[in-house]
Amino acid sequence: MMGRTRHLTRPEYKHIVDEFQKEIDRRWERLKAKHEHPLL
């Protein structure tokens, strides 16, 4: 892990990592929907 992001593994930053993951999941679902539906 890179030094500039290593602090994100600490428990006090868990809420930030959870927010990142939530946004990544949202974007991934959007990309999958665009792939499956030709009009999106």
Protein backbone atom coordinates (compact mmCIF):
# COMPACT_ATOMS: atom_id res chain seq x y z
CA MET A 1 0.00 0.00 0.00
CA MET A 2 1.24 3.46 -0.81
CA GLY A 3 2.40 5.66 2.05
CA ARG A 4 -0.05 8.43 1.28
CA THR A 5 -3.06 6.11 1.67
CA ARG A 6 -1.77 3.79 4.41
CA HIS A 7 -3.60 5.78 7.10
CA LEU A 8 -6.93 4.68 5.60
CA THR A 9 -6.41 1.21 7.07
CA ARG A 10 -6.79 2.63 10.60
CA PRO A 11 -10.13 2.06 12.34
CA GLU A 12 -10.84 5.77 12.77
CA TYR A 13 -10.95 6.18 8.97
CA LYS A 14 -13.37 3.30 8.37
CA HIS A 15 -16.29 5.66 7.69
CA ILE A 16 -14.29 7.35 4.91
CA VAL A 17 -13.39 4.03 3.31
CA ASP A 18 -17.03 2.94 3.56
CA GLU A 19 -18.12 6.11 1.74
CA PHE A 20 -15.54 5.49 -0.99
CA GLN A 21 -16.75 1.92 -1.40
CA LYS A 22 -20.38 3.02 -1.55
CA GLU A 23 -19.58 5.47 -4.36
CA ILE A 24 -17.52 2.87 -6.24
CA ASP A 25 -20.38 0.37 -5.98
CA ARG A 26 -22.86 3.00 -7.23
CA ARG A 27 -20.68 3.83 -10.23
CA TRP A 28 -20.09 0.15 -11.01
CA GLU A 29 -23.84 -0.57 -11.01
CA ARG A 30 -24.36 2.41 -13.34
CA LEU A 31 -21.70 1.12 -15.75
CA LYS A 32 -23.25 -2.35 -15.75
CA ALA A 33 -26.68 -0.86 -16.47
CA LYS A 34 -25.28 1.15 -19.38
CA HIS A 35 -23.66 -1.98 -20.79
CA GLU A 36 -26.86 -4.03 -20.54
CA HIS A 37 -29.24 -1.39 -21.92
CA PRO A 38 -28.42 0.13 -25.35
CA LEU A 39 -30.34 3.38 -24.72
CA LEU A 40 -28.50 4.42 -21.56
